[in-house]
Amino acid sequence: MAAYAIGYLTLRNSDWVAEYSAHMPALAKKHGGKPLAKEAPVVLEGSPLMSETQIIVEFPSMEHAQAWYDDPAHAPLKKLRQGGADFSMVLLNGL
């Protein structure tokens, strides 16, 4: 069953983005990840707390997504991201 990593990102600086973007797509792909969306959200109803950008990556399973997140090659990328952005992420099982 597919799983979805959903990230909520607000930039503090963009110094890290080029290096991060050069490596993250291949790392996600290594674990079966497929980017589905990376955009500023549009509110249709209510007043949710919104980040600047939301990211959705589809993985073949929760196990694939967890392996991506735990991959040792992800550690330096997480550090880059954490140094230049406020970021939260959730993982959801697909239907």
Protein backbone atom coordinates (compact mmCIF):
# COMPACT_ATOMS: atom_id res chain seq x y z
CA MET A 1 0.00 0.00 0.00
CA ALA A 2 1.35 3.44 -0.93
CA ALA A 3 2.52 5.83 1.76
CA TYR A 4 2.82 9.60 1.57
CA ALA A 5 5.48 11.77 3.21
CA ILE A 6 4.01 15.25 3.60
CA GLY A 7 6.39 18.05 4.49
CA TYR A 8 5.61 21.58 5.68
CA LEU A 9 8.43 24.04 4.98
CA THR A 10 9.03 27.70 5.71
CA LEU A 11 12.42 29.05 4.54
CA ARG A 12 14.62 31.05 6.89
CA ASN A 13 17.37 31.27 4.26
CA SER A 14 18.02 29.63 0.89
CA ASP A 15 21.77 28.95 1.28
CA TRP A 16 21.16 25.20 1.60
CA VAL A 17 18.61 24.71 -1.20
CA ALA A 18 21.00 24.11 -4.14
CA GLU A 19 22.99 21.38 -2.38
CA TYR A 20 19.87 19.79 -0.94
CA SER A 21 18.09 19.81 -4.30
CA ALA A 22 21.11 18.25 -5.99
CA HIS A 23 20.88 15.13 -3.76
CA MET A 24 17.36 14.65 -2.40
CA PRO A 25 15.59 13.54 -5.63
CA ALA A 26 18.02 10.65 -6.16
CA LEU A 27 17.79 9.62 -2.51
CA ALA A 28 13.98 9.53 -2.62
CA LYS A 29 14.07 7.64 -5.93
CA LYS A 30 16.46 5.07 -4.41
CA HIS A 31 13.64 4.15 -2.00
CA GLY A 32 10.86 4.25 -4.58
CA GLY A 33 9.89 7.85 -3.81
CA LYS A 34 7.97 9.83 -6.40
CA PRO A 35 7.42 13.57 -5.87
CA LEU A 36 3.76 14.50 -6.31
CA ALA A 37 3.56 18.13 -5.21
CA LYS A 38 5.74 21.03 -4.08
CA GLU A 39 3.76 24.23 -3.93
CA ALA A 40 2.43 26.96 -1.71
CA PRO A 41 -0.86 25.68 -0.29
CA VAL A 42 -4.20 27.24 -1.16
CA VAL A 43 -6.74 27.39 1.64
CA LEU A 44 -10.18 26.26 0.59
CA GLU A 45 -11.82 26.29 4.02
CA GLY A 46 -11.03 27.31 7.58
CA SER A 47 -7.94 29.00 8.96
CA PRO A 48 -5.19 26.36 9.14
CA LEU A 49 -1.67 27.24 10.20
CA MET A 50 0.09 27.16 6.85
CA SER A 51 3.70 26.81 5.82
CA GLU A 52 5.13 28.57 2.76
CA THR A 53 5.48 25.30 0.89
CA GLN A 54 4.06 21.84 1.23
CA ILE A 55 5.73 18.81 -0.29
CA ILE A 56 4.18 15.40 -0.97
CA VAL A 57 6.29 12.37 -1.88
CA GLU A 58 4.66 9.01 -2.60
CA PHE A 59 6.47 5.80 -1.59
CA PRO A 60 5.47 2.20 -2.37
CA SER A 61 4.95 1.49 1.34
CA MET A 62 5.49 2.81 4.86
CA GLU A 63 8.62 0.64 5.01
CA HIS A 64 10.07 2.29 1.90
CA ALA A 65 9.34 5.74 3.32
CA GLN A 66 10.91 4.87 6.67
CA ALA A 67 13.98 3.43 4.93
CA TRP A 68 14.33 6.70 2.99
CA TYR A 69 14.02 8.77 6.15
CA ASP A 70 16.51 6.57 8.05
CA ASP A 71 19.03 6.25 5.18
CA PRO A 72 22.46 7.43 6.39
CA ALA A 73 22.73 9.58 3.24
CA HIS A 74 19.67 11.50 4.46
CA ALA A 75 21.37 12.68 7.68
CA PRO A 76 23.48 15.49 6.12
CA LEU A 77 20.49 16.60 4.02
CA LYS A 78 18.30 16.78 7.13
CA LYS A 79 20.97 18.91 8.78
CA LEU A 80 21.03 21.29 5.79
CA ARG A 81 17.24 21.56 5.82
CA GLN A 82 17.06 22.10 9.57
CA GLY A 83 19.69 24.83 9.34
CA GLY A 84 17.77 26.89 6.81
CA ALA A 85 14.09 26.14 7.28
CA ASP A 86 11.34 25.42 9.73
CA PHE A 87 10.21 21.96 8.68
CA SER A 88 7.75 19.35 9.85
CA MET A 89 6.83 16.08 8.18
CA VAL A 90 4.18 13.43 8.61
CA LEU A 91 3.82 10.01 7.03
CA LEU A 92 0.40 8.69 5.99
CA ASN A 93 -0.71 5.31 4.69
CA GLY A 94 -2.62 5.47 1.44
CA LEU A 95 -6.08 4.00 1.05
